Amino acid sequence: MDTKQLADFLRVRREALDPGDVGLPDTGRRRTPGLRREEVARLADISTDYYTRLEQDRAPQPSPGVLRAITRALRLTLDERDHLFRLAGHRPPDRRRSDEHVAPSLLGVLDRLYDVPAQVMTDLGATLVQNDLARAVFGDLTRLRGAAGTVVYRWFTDPRARAGYPVQDHATESRALVADLRAAAVRRDDAQAKDLVKRLLRASPEFEALWRLHPVGVMRSRRKRIQHPEVGLLELDCQVLVDEERTQILALFSPAAGTPTAERLTLLGSLGPLAAQRSSR
């Protein structure tokens, strides 16, 4: 671990960012250039004290999880991310297998979305980053790891994942998730996708029955209905933007026209962290 170069790299990258680059409000002229340390720490969901010690060359070795969070907070490119990992004494993630690096361009779009829920996900359905409104609607899904981090695995193995959806929508949701996973698994043809399918086949007879029907379909747009515990029924039109390598998607959830969903999203946004704590979809 090269703590001196690590500290310098973090400081230089922080000072190169303006608040608007990361979706923060511009509060006027600053005495020093770039983001404040506490802003980077908040974006990375780590303590300000720990981040400060990293920049001051007096912190213990950061974990890969912390490095991934800092990568997103500082909007690093893949090359910069790999450099960060090496400075911190870790091997960089394998680009051929890892899909957890969110491109700065996708993060830039997400930063500017305030009035609709939006989140970046892998094509296997793991949530990588969410805006505040998405956390309020779906709960904080970014902390989940492994198979349980994917929406399709939770749907077929954890009854709580279906609790917020009207019962009459369950069959349609099940088939759509299986069809999307089938397309992604063949497109990727990697160990991660194969392992997810094997786990689901062992864990869920419903999944196994649908898998045998061989449905195929990439989810690009559809209507989702969610019964939120704080504001009631939300009817959302989901639109999906796909990155160039088709390994990540930006999912946007717009309020359906002719429904009270827009007003309910506004109310939900005003509830802040409380809503996210009570929601998990």
Protein backbone atom coordinates (compact mmCIF):
# COMPACT_ATOMS: atom_id res chain seq x y z
CA MET A 1 0.00 0.00 0.00
CA ASP A 2 1.43 3.36 -1.06
CA THR A 3 -0.27 5.63 1.47
CA LYS A 4 1.47 8.81 0.33
CA GLN A 5 0.46 8.47 -3.32
CA LEU A 6 -3.00 7.31 -2.29
CA ALA A 7 -3.50 10.44 -0.19
CA ASP A 8 -2.29 12.68 -3.02
CA PHE A 9 -4.47 10.95 -5.62
CA LEU A 10 -7.60 11.30 -3.51
CA ARG A 11 -6.93 14.96 -2.79
CA VAL A 12 -6.26 15.85 -6.44
CA ARG A 13 -9.37 14.05 -7.68
CA ARG A 14 -11.55 15.64 -4.97
CA GLU A 15 -10.32 19.11 -5.80
CA ALA A 16 -11.06 18.56 -9.50
CA LEU A 17 -14.80 18.10 -8.86
CA ASP A 18 -17.45 20.79 -8.52
CA PRO A 19 -20.62 20.17 -6.50
CA GLY A 20 -22.67 20.13 -9.69
CA ASP A 21 -20.54 17.28 -11.04
CA VAL A 22 -21.90 14.97 -8.35
CA GLY A 23 -25.46 16.27 -8.04
CA LEU A 24 -24.87 18.55 -5.04
CA PRO A 25 -26.28 22.09 -4.90
CA ASP A 26 -23.86 24.91 -5.62
CA THR A 27 -23.74 27.04 -2.47
CA GLY A 28 -21.57 29.74 -3.96
CA ARG A 29 -17.87 30.50 -4.02
CA ARG A 30 -15.63 28.27 -1.91
CA ARG A 31 -12.39 29.15 -0.20
CA THR A 32 -10.69 26.07 -1.68
CA PRO A 33 -11.36 24.34 -5.02
CA GLY A 34 -13.40 21.18 -5.40
CA LEU A 35 -15.58 19.18 -3.05
CA ARG A 36 -15.24 19.24 0.70
CA ARG A 37 -14.00 16.11 2.41
CA GLU A 38 -17.28 15.68 4.22
CA GLU A 39 -19.13 15.78 0.90
CA VAL A 40 -17.00 12.98 -0.54
CA ALA A 41 -17.46 10.97 2.66
CA ARG A 42 -21.23 11.42 2.49
CA LEU A 43 -21.34 10.38 -1.16
CA ALA A 44 -19.26 7.29 -0.35
CA ASP A 45 -21.25 6.53 2.82
CA ILE A 46 -18.13 6.45 4.99
CA SER A 47 -17.16 8.59 7.97
CA THR A 48 -15.63 12.00 7.37
CA ASP A 49 -12.93 11.19 9.90
CA TYR A 50 -11.84 8.05 8.01
CA TYR A 51 -11.82 9.77 4.63
CA THR A 52 -9.86 12.67 6.10
CA ARG A 53 -7.26 10.27 7.47
CA LEU A 54 -6.96 8.65 4.03
CA GLU A 55 -6.10 12.03 2.53
CA GLN A 56 -3.69 12.74 5.36
CA ASP A 57 -1.69 9.52 4.92
CA ARG A 58 -2.61 8.12 8.34
CA ALA A 59 -5.47 5.67 7.76
CA PRO A 60 -5.43 1.86 7.81
CA GLN A 61 -5.82 0.02 4.52
CA PRO A 62 -9.27 0.61 3.01
CA SER A 63 -11.31 -2.43 2.03
CA PRO A 64 -12.33 -3.13 -1.60
CA GLY A 65 -15.88 -2.11 -0.67
CA VAL A 66 -14.70 1.29 0.55
CA LEU A 67 -12.61 1.73 -2.60
CA ARG A 68 -15.62 0.97 -4.80
CA ALA A 69 -17.65 3.56 -2.90
CA ILE A 70 -14.90 6.17 -3.25
CA THR A 71 -14.62 5.33 -6.95
CA ARG A 72 -18.25 6.31 -7.44
CA ALA A 73 -18.08 9.33 -5.15
CA LEU A 74 -15.11 10.77 -7.08
CA ARG A 75 -16.53 9.72 -10.49
CA LEU A 76 -13.37 7.80 -11.40
CA THR A 77 -12.88 6.15 -14.78
CA LEU A 78 -11.97 2.47 -14.98
CA ASP A 79 -8.28 3.29 -15.36
CA GLU A 80 -8.45 5.60 -12.35
CA ARG A 81 -10.32 2.97 -10.35
CA ASP A 82 -7.63 0.37 -11.09
CA HIS A 83 -4.95 2.89 -10.07
CA LEU A 84 -6.80 3.54 -6.80
CA PHE A 85 -6.97 -0.16 -5.98
CA ARG A 86 -3.26 -0.63 -6.66
CA LEU A 87 -2.29 2.35 -4.51
CA ALA A 88 -4.39 0.88 -1.70
CA GLY A 89 -2.61 -2.48 -1.98
CA HIS A 90 -5.43 -4.42 -3.64
CA ARG A 91 -5.62 -6.17 -6.99
CA PRO A 92 -8.00 -4.27 -9.29
CA PRO A 93 -11.31 -5.99 -10.10
CA ASP A 94 -11.26 -8.16 -13.21
CA ARG A 95 -12.81 -6.04 -15.95
CA ARG A 96 -13.98 -9.14 -17.77
CA ARG A 97 -16.03 -10.33 -14.80
CA SER A 98 -16.75 -7.34 -12.60
CA ASP A 99 -19.70 -5.14 -13.46
CA GLU A 100 -19.78 -3.05 -10.28
CA HIS A 101 -17.96 -0.04 -11.73
CA VAL A 102 -20.56 2.55 -12.68
CA ALA A 103 -19.49 4.76 -15.57
CA PRO A 104 -19.24 8.46 -14.67
CA SER A 105 -21.61 9.22 -17.54
CA LEU A 106 -24.37 7.11 -15.94
CA LEU A 107 -23.70 8.66 -12.54
CA GLY A 108 -23.90 12.10 -14.14
CA VAL A 109 -27.40 11.36 -15.45
CA LEU A 110 -28.45 9.93 -12.09
CA ASP A 111 -27.19 13.02 -10.27
CA ARG A 112 -29.61 15.20 -12.23
CA LEU A 113 -32.71 13.13 -11.56
CA TYR A 114 -34.45 14.52 -8.50
CA ASP A 115 -38.18 14.10 -9.12
CA VAL A 116 -38.33 10.47 -10.30
CA PRO A 117 -36.92 7.29 -8.75
CA ALA A 118 -33.85 6.08 -10.64
CA GLN A 119 -31.16 3.48 -10.06
CA VAL A 120 -28.24 1.86 -11.84
CA MET A 121 -28.39 -1.94 -11.92
CA THR A 122 -26.43 -4.79 -13.45
CA ASP A 123 -28.10 -6.80 -16.16
CA LEU A 124 -28.58 -9.56 -13.55
CA GLY A 125 -30.66 -7.20 -11.43
CA ALA A 126 -28.22 -6.16 -8.69
CA THR A 127 -28.65 -2.53 -7.64
CA LEU A 128 -25.38 -0.57 -7.68
CA VAL A 129 -26.48 2.98 -6.90
CA GLN A 130 -29.83 4.72 -6.25
CA ASN A 131 -31.03 8.29 -6.00
CA ASP A 132 -32.85 9.37 -2.85
CA LEU A 133 -36.31 8.84 -4.29
CA ALA A 134 -35.49 5.29 -5.43
CA ARG A 135 -34.35 4.47 -1.89
CA ALA A 136 -37.60 5.92 -0.57
CA VAL A 137 -39.65 3.72 -2.94
CA PHE A 138 -37.66 0.47 -2.93
CA GLY A 139 -35.48 0.74 0.19
CA ASP A 140 -31.69 0.78 0.15
CA LEU A 141 -30.85 -2.18 -2.08
CA THR A 142 -27.18 -1.35 -2.57
CA ARG A 143 -26.10 -3.00 0.69
CA LEU A 144 -27.23 -6.46 -0.39
CA ARG A 145 -24.54 -8.82 -1.67
CA GLY A 146 -24.28 -12.08 -3.59
CA ALA A 147 -27.36 -13.72 -5.06
CA ALA A 148 -29.56 -11.89 -2.53
CA GLY A 149 -28.44 -8.64 -4.15
CA THR A 150 -30.37 -9.45 -7.33
CA VAL A 151 -34.05 -8.63 -7.66
CA VAL A 152 -34.84 -11.95 -9.34
CA TYR A 153 -33.36 -14.02 -6.50
CA ARG A 154 -35.18 -12.03 -3.83
CA TRP A 155 -38.43 -12.28 -5.76
CA PHE A 156 -38.38 -16.07 -5.86
CA THR A 157 -36.83 -16.78 -2.44
CA ASP A 158 -37.91 -14.01 -0.04
CA PRO A 159 -41.65 -13.41 0.48
CA ARG A 160 -40.89 -9.87 1.66
CA ALA A 161 -39.82 -8.95 -1.87
CA ARG A 162 -43.41 -9.44 -3.09
CA ALA A 163 -45.15 -7.81 -0.16
CA GLY A 164 -45.39 -4.41 -1.82
CA TYR A 165 -46.79 -5.67 -5.11
CA PRO A 166 -50.51 -6.31 -5.72
CA VAL A 167 -51.15 -10.07 -5.75
CA GLN A 168 -52.71 -9.92 -9.21
CA ASP A 169 -49.38 -8.62 -10.59
CA HIS A 170 -47.23 -11.45 -9.21
CA ALA A 171 -47.52 -13.85 -12.14
CA THR A 172 -46.66 -11.15 -14.69
CA GLU A 173 -43.68 -9.99 -12.63
CA SER A 174 -42.40 -13.55 -12.21
CA ARG A 175 -42.49 -14.28 -15.92
CA ALA A 176 -40.86 -10.95 -16.84
CA LEU A 177 -37.99 -11.53 -14.39
CA VAL A 178 -37.36 -15.06 -15.66
CA ALA A 179 -37.44 -13.94 -19.31
CA ASP A 180 -34.99 -11.12 -18.60
CA LEU A 181 -32.62 -13.42 -16.69
CA ARG A 182 -32.70 -15.99 -19.52
CA ALA A 183 -31.64 -13.33 -22.03
CA ALA A 184 -28.92 -11.95 -19.73
CA ALA A 185 -27.52 -15.38 -18.83
CA VAL A 186 -27.06 -16.37 -22.47
CA ARG A 187 -25.67 -12.96 -23.42
CA ARG A 188 -23.13 -13.01 -20.58
CA ASP A 189 -22.35 -16.75 -20.56
CA ASP A 190 -20.27 -16.34 -17.40
CA ALA A 191 -19.91 -18.07 -14.05
CA GLN A 192 -21.87 -15.42 -12.14
CA ALA A 193 -24.98 -15.79 -14.29
CA LYS A 194 -24.76 -19.58 -14.32
CA ASP A 195 -24.41 -19.68 -10.54
CA LEU A 196 -27.44 -17.44 -10.08
CA VAL A 197 -29.58 -19.69 -12.28
CA LYS A 198 -28.41 -22.82 -10.42
CA ARG A 199 -29.25 -21.26 -7.06
CA LEU A 200 -32.71 -20.29 -8.25
CA LEU A 201 -33.41 -23.73 -9.72
CA ARG A 202 -32.54 -25.30 -6.36
CA ALA A 203 -34.43 -22.77 -4.25
CA SER A 204 -37.69 -22.14 -6.11
CA PRO A 205 -40.08 -24.62 -7.77
CA GLU A 206 -41.91 -21.65 -9.29
CA PHE A 207 -38.73 -20.41 -10.92
CA GLU A 208 -37.90 -23.92 -12.18
CA ALA A 209 -41.34 -24.29 -13.78
CA LEU A 210 -41.06 -20.94 -15.55
CA TRP A 211 -37.44 -21.59 -16.59
CA ARG A 212 -38.53 -24.79 -18.35
CA LEU A 213 -40.90 -22.73 -20.51
CA HIS A 214 -37.82 -20.88 -21.90
CA PRO A 215 -39.27 -17.35 -21.94
CA VAL A 216 -36.90 -14.70 -23.34
CA GLY A 217 -37.32 -10.95 -23.18
CA VAL A 218 -35.17 -7.98 -22.23
CA MET A 219 -37.06 -5.58 -19.99
CA ARG A 220 -36.99 -2.17 -21.66
CA SER A 221 -40.27 -0.61 -20.56
CA ARG A 222 -43.20 -1.73 -18.45
CA ARG A 223 -45.69 -0.63 -15.81
CA LYS A 224 -44.95 -1.38 -12.16
CA ARG A 225 -47.46 -1.04 -9.35
CA ILE A 226 -46.15 -0.81 -5.80
CA GLN A 227 -48.17 -0.59 -2.62
CA HIS A 228 -45.97 1.65 -0.51
CA PRO A 229 -46.50 1.53 3.28
CA GLU A 230 -46.26 5.32 3.64
CA VAL A 231 -48.11 6.80 0.66
CA GLY A 232 -50.20 4.00 -0.84
CA LEU A 233 -50.29 2.69 -4.41
CA LEU A 234 -47.61 3.94 -6.80
CA GLU A 235 -48.07 3.33 -10.53
CA LEU A 236 -44.75 3.74 -12.29
CA ASP A 237 -43.73 3.52 -15.93
CA CYS A 238 -40.27 1.96 -16.00
CA GLN A 239 -37.91 2.93 -18.81
CA VAL A 240 -34.50 1.33 -19.17
CA LEU A 241 -31.35 2.87 -20.64
CA VAL A 242 -28.58 0.36 -21.40
CA ASP A 243 -24.83 1.07 -21.38
CA GLU A 244 -22.66 0.28 -24.41
CA GLU A 245 -21.52 -3.09 -23.08
CA ARG A 246 -25.06 -4.04 -21.99
CA THR A 247 -23.86 -5.04 -18.52
CA GLN A 248 -25.58 -2.15 -16.69
CA ILE A 249 -28.88 -0.35 -16.99
CA LEU A 250 -30.23 2.95 -15.76
CA ALA A 251 -33.82 2.32 -14.69
CA LEU A 252 -36.14 5.34 -14.54
CA PHE A 253 -39.53 5.10 -12.83
CA SER A 254 -41.84 7.88 -14.03
CA PRO A 255 -45.27 8.45 -12.49
CA ALA A 256 -47.99 7.02 -14.72
CA ALA A 257 -50.19 9.68 -16.33
CA GLY A 258 -53.70 9.98 -14.96
CA THR A 259 -52.75 8.64 -11.51
CA PRO A 260 -51.94 10.40 -8.21
CA THR A 261 -48.45 8.90 -8.24
CA ALA A 262 -46.62 12.18 -8.94
CA GLU A 263 -48.12 13.81 -5.83
CA ARG A 264 -47.37 10.71 -3.78
CA LEU A 265 -43.74 10.70 -4.91
CA THR A 266 -43.43 14.33 -3.84
CA LEU A 267 -44.81 13.42 -0.43
CA LEU A 268 -42.49 10.44 -0.24
CA GLY A 269 -39.49 12.60 -1.03
CA SER A 270 -40.40 14.93 1.83
CA LEU A 271 -40.35 12.02 4.29
CA GLY A 272 -36.61 11.54 3.68
CA PRO A 273 -34.65 8.64 5.22
CA LEU A 274 -37.67 7.44 7.22
CA ALA A 275 -39.37 6.24 4.04
CA ALA A 276 -36.29 4.32 2.90
CA GLN A 277 -36.02 2.57 6.25
CA ARG A 278 -39.59 1.30 6.01
CA SER A 279 -39.46 0.23 2.37
CA SER A 280 -37.77 -2.79 0.80
CA ARG A 281 -38.94 -3.94 -2.63
